[in-house]
Amino acid sequence: MTKTLTGIVTSDVADKTITITVTSRETHPIYGKQYTVGRKYMAHDEDNIAKKGDKVVISEVRPISKRKSFKLDSVIEKARGTIELKDDIADILPTKPSKEDKVKEE
């Protein structure tokens, strides 16, 4: 029985390789508090189908390389797009006039 995991693609930069983050909730054995654990896996993507942000299923196979022992089974859900914030937010937000601006106006 092969191990299958479901996670989110966090990187698709390398050719035929994707990095998947699988998150799970675990309970501390003594304190009983729940916490989130994220594990990263490298998987083989032969046709470069998966893109960053996609939800995918990977399954365990014989080792393909030093760090890859999983392959992409299927893409469950495509990413809906990314939101990129501008570096210079000062252009968007209105600012208070400074003392220098007041002097220039007079």
N, C-alpha and C. Protein backbone atom coordinates (compact mmCIF):
# COMPACT_ATOMS: atom_id res chain seq x y z
N MET A 1 0.85 -1.17 0.00
CA MET A 1 0.00 0.00 0.00
C MET A 1 0.89 1.23 0.00
N THR A 2 0.71 2.09 -0.98
CA THR A 2 1.53 3.29 -1.06
C THR A 2 0.91 4.41 -0.24
N LYS A 3 1.78 5.24 0.30
CA LYS A 3 1.33 6.38 1.10
C LYS A 3 0.91 7.50 0.15
N THR A 4 -0.27 8.08 0.38
CA THR A 4 -0.71 9.22 -0.41
C THR A 4 -0.90 10.40 0.52
N LEU A 5 -0.53 11.58 0.06
CA LEU A 5 -0.63 12.81 0.84
C LEU A 5 -1.31 13.88 0.00
N THR A 6 -2.03 14.78 0.66
CA THR A 6 -2.67 15.90 0.00
C THR A 6 -2.08 17.18 0.57
N GLY A 7 -1.68 18.10 -0.32
CA GLY A 7 -1.08 19.34 0.14
C GLY A 7 -1.14 20.43 -0.91
N ILE A 8 -0.49 21.54 -0.60
CA ILE A 8 -0.47 22.71 -1.47
C ILE A 8 0.93 22.86 -2.07
N VAL A 9 0.99 23.15 -3.37
CA VAL A 9 2.27 23.36 -4.04
C VAL A 9 2.84 24.71 -3.60
N THR A 10 4.05 24.69 -3.03
CA THR A 10 4.67 25.93 -2.58
C THR A 10 5.76 26.40 -3.53
N SER A 11 6.26 25.51 -4.38
CA SER A 11 7.29 25.90 -5.34
C SER A 11 7.21 25.01 -6.57
N ASP A 12 7.32 25.63 -7.74
CA ASP A 12 7.37 24.87 -8.99
C ASP A 12 8.50 25.39 -9.87
N VAL A 13 9.54 25.93 -9.26
CA VAL A 13 10.63 26.56 -10.00
C VAL A 13 11.49 25.52 -10.72
N ALA A 14 11.80 24.42 -10.05
CA ALA A 14 12.67 23.40 -10.64
C ALA A 14 11.93 22.64 -11.75
N ASP A 15 12.68 22.17 -12.74
CA ASP A 15 12.10 21.43 -13.85
C ASP A 15 11.69 20.03 -13.39
N LYS A 16 10.45 19.64 -13.64
CA LYS A 16 9.89 18.33 -13.31
C LYS A 16 9.88 18.04 -11.81
N THR A 17 9.97 19.07 -10.98
CA THR A 17 9.93 18.89 -9.53
C THR A 17 9.05 19.96 -8.91
N ILE A 18 8.23 19.55 -7.96
CA ILE A 18 7.42 20.49 -7.20
C ILE A 18 7.65 20.26 -5.71
N THR A 19 7.48 21.30 -4.93
CA THR A 19 7.58 21.20 -3.48
C THR A 19 6.17 21.37 -2.92
N ILE A 20 5.77 20.42 -2.09
CA ILE A 20 4.43 20.42 -1.53
C ILE A 20 4.52 20.58 -0.02
N THR A 21 3.67 21.42 0.54
CA THR A 21 3.57 21.57 1.99
C THR A 21 2.30 20.88 2.46
N VAL A 22 2.46 19.91 3.35
CA VAL A 22 1.34 19.18 3.92
C VAL A 22 1.20 19.63 5.37
N THR A 23 0.05 20.20 5.70
CA THR A 23 -0.18 20.67 7.07
C THR A 23 -1.12 19.72 7.79
N SER A 24 -0.85 19.51 9.08
CA SER A 24 -1.70 18.65 9.89
C SER A 24 -1.79 19.22 11.30
N ARG A 25 -2.86 18.88 11.99
CA ARG A 25 -3.06 19.31 13.37
C ARG A 25 -2.69 18.16 14.28
N GLU A 26 -1.83 18.43 15.25
CA GLU A 26 -1.44 17.41 16.21
C GLU A 26 -1.73 17.90 17.61
N THR A 27 -1.88 16.96 18.53
CA THR A 27 -2.15 17.27 19.92
C THR A 27 -0.93 16.91 20.75
N HIS A 28 -0.53 17.81 21.63
CA HIS A 28 0.62 17.56 22.50
C HIS A 28 0.27 16.43 23.47
N PRO A 29 1.16 15.44 23.64
CA PRO A 29 0.82 14.28 24.47
C PRO A 29 0.59 14.60 25.95
N ILE A 30 1.25 15.61 26.48
CA ILE A 30 1.13 15.93 27.91
C ILE A 30 0.13 17.05 28.13
N TYR A 31 0.29 18.17 27.40
CA TYR A 31 -0.51 19.36 27.66
C TYR A 31 -1.86 19.37 26.96
N GLY A 32 -2.04 18.55 25.94
CA GLY A 32 -3.32 18.48 25.26
C GLY A 32 -3.61 19.61 24.30
N LYS A 33 -2.66 20.53 24.13
CA LYS A 33 -2.87 21.67 23.24
C LYS A 33 -2.65 21.22 21.79
N GLN A 34 -3.50 21.71 20.90
CA GLN A 34 -3.35 21.38 19.49
C GLN A 34 -2.48 22.42 18.81
N TYR A 35 -1.68 21.97 17.86
CA TYR A 35 -0.82 22.87 17.10
C TYR A 35 -0.72 22.37 15.66
N THR A 36 -0.32 23.27 14.78
CA THR A 36 -0.22 22.95 13.37
C THR A 36 1.21 22.60 13.01
N VAL A 37 1.37 21.52 12.27
CA VAL A 37 2.68 21.09 11.82
C VAL A 37 2.67 21.10 10.29
N GLY A 38 3.69 21.72 9.71
CA GLY A 38 3.82 21.75 8.25
C GLY A 38 5.05 20.96 7.83
N ARG A 39 4.86 20.03 6.91
CA ARG A 39 5.98 19.23 6.41
C ARG A 39 6.09 19.44 4.90
N LYS A 40 7.33 19.52 4.43
CA LYS A 40 7.56 19.73 3.00
C LYS A 40 8.05 18.45 2.34
N TYR A 41 7.53 18.19 1.16
CA TYR A 41 7.92 17.03 0.38
C TYR A 41 8.25 17.48 -1.04
N MET A 42 9.27 16.84 -1.63
CA MET A 42 9.59 17.06 -3.04
C MET A 42 8.92 15.95 -3.83
N ALA A 43 8.31 16.30 -4.95
CA ALA A 43 7.61 15.31 -5.76
C ALA A 43 7.97 15.48 -7.23
N HIS A 44 7.93 14.38 -7.96
CA HIS A 44 8.24 14.38 -9.39
C HIS A 44 6.98 14.73 -10.18
N ASP A 45 7.09 15.74 -11.03
CA ASP A 45 5.98 16.19 -11.88
C ASP A 45 6.48 16.13 -13.32
N GLU A 46 6.27 15.00 -13.96
CA GLU A 46 6.84 14.73 -15.28
C GLU A 46 6.48 15.78 -16.33
N ASP A 47 5.21 16.22 -16.37
CA ASP A 47 4.75 17.13 -17.42
C ASP A 47 4.66 18.58 -16.97
N ASN A 48 5.16 18.90 -15.78
CA ASN A 48 5.09 20.26 -15.22
C ASN A 48 3.66 20.79 -15.23
N ILE A 49 2.74 19.97 -14.74
CA ILE A 49 1.32 20.33 -14.72
C ILE A 49 0.99 21.25 -13.55
N ALA A 50 1.50 20.92 -12.38
CA ALA A 50 1.13 21.65 -11.16
C ALA A 50 1.84 23.00 -11.10
N LYS A 51 1.11 24.00 -10.65
CA LYS A 51 1.65 25.35 -10.48
C LYS A 51 1.53 25.75 -9.02
N LYS A 52 2.20 26.82 -8.66
CA LYS A 52 2.21 27.28 -7.28
C LYS A 52 0.79 27.61 -6.81
N GLY A 53 0.42 27.09 -5.63
CA GLY A 53 -0.89 27.34 -5.07
C GLY A 53 -1.91 26.26 -5.35
N ASP A 54 -1.60 25.30 -6.23
CA ASP A 54 -2.54 24.22 -6.54
C ASP A 54 -2.62 23.23 -5.38
N LYS A 55 -3.79 22.62 -5.21
CA LYS A 55 -3.97 21.56 -4.23
C LYS A 55 -3.79 20.24 -4.97
N VAL A 56 -2.85 19.40 -4.51
CA VAL A 56 -2.47 18.20 -5.25
C VAL A 56 -2.46 16.97 -4.34
N VAL A 57 -2.47 15.80 -4.98
CA VAL A 57 -2.30 14.52 -4.29
C VAL A 57 -1.02 13.91 -4.81
N ILE A 58 -0.14 13.48 -3.88
CA ILE A 58 1.11 12.83 -4.26
C ILE A 58 1.14 11.44 -3.64
N SER A 59 1.86 10.52 -4.28
CA SER A 59 1.97 9.17 -3.75
C SER A 59 3.43 8.75 -3.71
N GLU A 60 3.73 7.86 -2.79
CA GLU A 60 5.09 7.40 -2.58
C GLU A 60 5.50 6.40 -3.65
N VAL A 61 6.72 6.56 -4.16
CA VAL A 61 7.29 5.64 -5.15
C VAL A 61 8.73 5.34 -4.75
N ARG A 62 9.41 4.55 -5.55
CA ARG A 62 10.82 4.29 -5.27
C ARG A 62 11.58 5.61 -5.39
N PRO A 63 12.69 5.75 -4.70
CA PRO A 63 13.42 7.03 -4.74
C PRO A 63 13.82 7.42 -6.16
N ILE A 64 13.48 8.65 -6.54
CA ILE A 64 13.83 9.17 -7.86
C ILE A 64 15.16 9.90 -7.79
N SER A 65 15.40 10.57 -6.69
CA SER A 65 16.67 11.25 -6.46
C SER A 65 16.91 11.27 -4.95
N LYS A 66 17.90 12.04 -4.52
CA LYS A 66 18.24 12.07 -3.10
C LYS A 66 17.08 12.53 -2.24
N ARG A 67 16.33 13.52 -2.71
CA ARG A 67 15.25 14.11 -1.90
C ARG A 67 13.86 13.81 -2.43
N LYS A 68 13.73 13.20 -3.60
CA LYS A 68 12.42 12.94 -4.19
C LYS A 68 12.07 11.46 -4.10
N SER A 69 11.00 11.16 -3.37
CA SER A 69 10.50 9.79 -3.34
C SER A 69 8.97 9.79 -3.44
N PHE A 70 8.42 10.87 -4.02
CA PHE A 70 6.99 10.98 -4.27
C PHE A 70 6.78 11.40 -5.72
N LYS A 71 5.60 11.08 -6.26
CA LYS A 71 5.25 11.55 -7.60
C LYS A 71 3.86 12.16 -7.55
N LEU A 72 3.61 13.06 -8.47
CA LEU A 72 2.31 13.73 -8.55
C LEU A 72 1.27 12.77 -9.10
N ASP A 73 0.18 12.60 -8.35
CA ASP A 73 -0.93 11.76 -8.82
C ASP A 73 -1.95 12.60 -9.58
N SER A 74 -2.45 13.64 -8.93
CA SER A 74 -3.46 14.47 -9.59
C SER A 74 -3.52 15.85 -8.96
N VAL A 75 -4.05 16.78 -9.73
CA VAL A 75 -4.30 18.13 -9.24
C VAL A 75 -5.77 18.19 -8.86
N ILE A 76 -6.05 18.41 -7.58
CA ILE A 76 -7.43 18.45 -7.10
C ILE A 76 -8.07 19.79 -7.43
N GLU A 77 -7.34 20.86 -7.15
CA GLU A 77 -7.90 22.20 -7.32
C GLU A 77 -6.82 23.14 -7.81
N LYS A 78 -7.11 23.86 -8.87
CA LYS A 78 -6.16 24.84 -9.40
C LYS A 78 -6.16 26.09 -8.55
N ALA A 79 -5.03 26.79 -8.53
CA ALA A 79 -4.94 28.05 -7.79
C ALA A 79 -5.82 29.08 -8.47
N ARG A 80 -6.44 29.94 -7.68
CA ARG A 80 -7.36 30.93 -8.24
C ARG A 80 -6.66 32.22 -8.61
N GLY A 81 -5.37 32.30 -8.36
CA GLY A 81 -4.63 33.52 -8.66
C GLY A 81 -3.94 34.02 -7.41
N THR A 82 -3.00 34.91 -7.62
CA THR A 82 -2.26 35.46 -6.50
C THR A 82 -2.51 36.95 -6.40
N ILE A 83 -2.35 37.46 -5.20
CA ILE A 83 -2.49 38.89 -4.97
C ILE A 83 -1.10 39.42 -4.67
N GLU A 84 -0.65 40.33 -5.48
CA GLU A 84 0.66 40.92 -5.26
C GLU A 84 0.49 42.34 -4.75
N LEU A 85 1.12 42.60 -3.62
CA LEU A 85 1.05 43.93 -3.03
C LEU A 85 2.18 44.78 -3.58
N LYS A 86 1.91 46.06 -3.77
CA LYS A 86 2.94 46.95 -4.25
C LYS A 86 3.93 47.25 -3.15
N ASP A 87 5.19 47.42 -3.51
CA ASP A 87 6.22 47.73 -2.54
C ASP A 87 6.06 49.15 -2.00
N ASP A 88 5.67 50.06 -2.87
CA ASP A 88 5.58 51.45 -2.47
C ASP A 88 4.11 51.79 -2.20
N ILE A 89 3.67 51.60 -0.98
CA ILE A 89 2.28 51.85 -0.61
C ILE A 89 2.03 53.34 -0.45
N ALA A 90 3.07 54.13 -0.27
CA ALA A 90 2.91 55.57 -0.07
C ALA A 90 2.22 56.24 -1.26
N ASP A 91 2.37 55.70 -2.45
CA ASP A 91 1.72 56.28 -3.63
C ASP A 91 0.21 56.08 -3.58
N ILE A 92 -0.25 55.04 -2.92
CA ILE A 92 -1.66 54.71 -2.90
C ILE A 92 -2.38 55.43 -1.76
N LEU A 93 -1.77 55.40 -0.58
CA LEU A 93 -2.43 55.96 0.60
C LEU A 93 -2.28 57.48 0.66
N PRO A 94 -3.34 58.19 1.06
CA PRO A 94 -3.20 59.64 1.22
C PRO A 94 -2.34 59.93 2.46
N THR A 95 -1.52 60.94 2.35
CA THR A 95 -0.63 61.31 3.45
C THR A 95 -1.00 62.67 4.00
N LYS A 96 -0.62 62.92 5.23
CA LYS A 96 -0.85 64.23 5.84
C LYS A 96 0.16 65.21 5.26
N PRO A 97 -0.25 66.45 5.06
CA PRO A 97 0.73 67.42 4.56
C PRO A 97 1.76 67.72 5.65
N SER A 98 3.03 67.77 5.24
CA SER A 98 4.09 68.05 6.20
C SER A 98 4.26 69.56 6.38
N LYS A 99 5.10 69.93 7.32
CA LYS A 99 5.35 71.35 7.59
C LYS A 99 5.96 72.04 6.37
N GLU A 100 6.79 71.32 5.65
CA GLU A 100 7.42 71.89 4.45
C GLU A 100 6.38 72.20 3.39
N ASP A 101 5.38 71.33 3.24
CA ASP A 101 4.32 71.56 2.26
C ASP A 101 3.50 72.80 2.63
N LYS A 102 3.25 72.99 3.91
CA LYS A 102 2.48 74.15 4.35
C LYS A 102 3.24 75.44 4.07
N VAL A 103 4.56 75.40 4.24
CA VAL A 103 5.38 76.60 4.00
C VAL A 103 5.37 76.93 2.50
N LYS A 104 5.43 75.91 1.65
CA LYS A 104 5.42 76.11 0.20
C LYS A 104 4.12 76.71 -0.27
N GLU A 105 2.98 76.31 0.36
CA GLU A 105 1.68 76.81 -0.04
C GLU A 105 1.53 78.28 0.27
N GLU A 106 2.14 78.78 1.35
CA GLU A 106 1.99 80.18 1.76
C GLU A 106 2.85 81.06 0.98
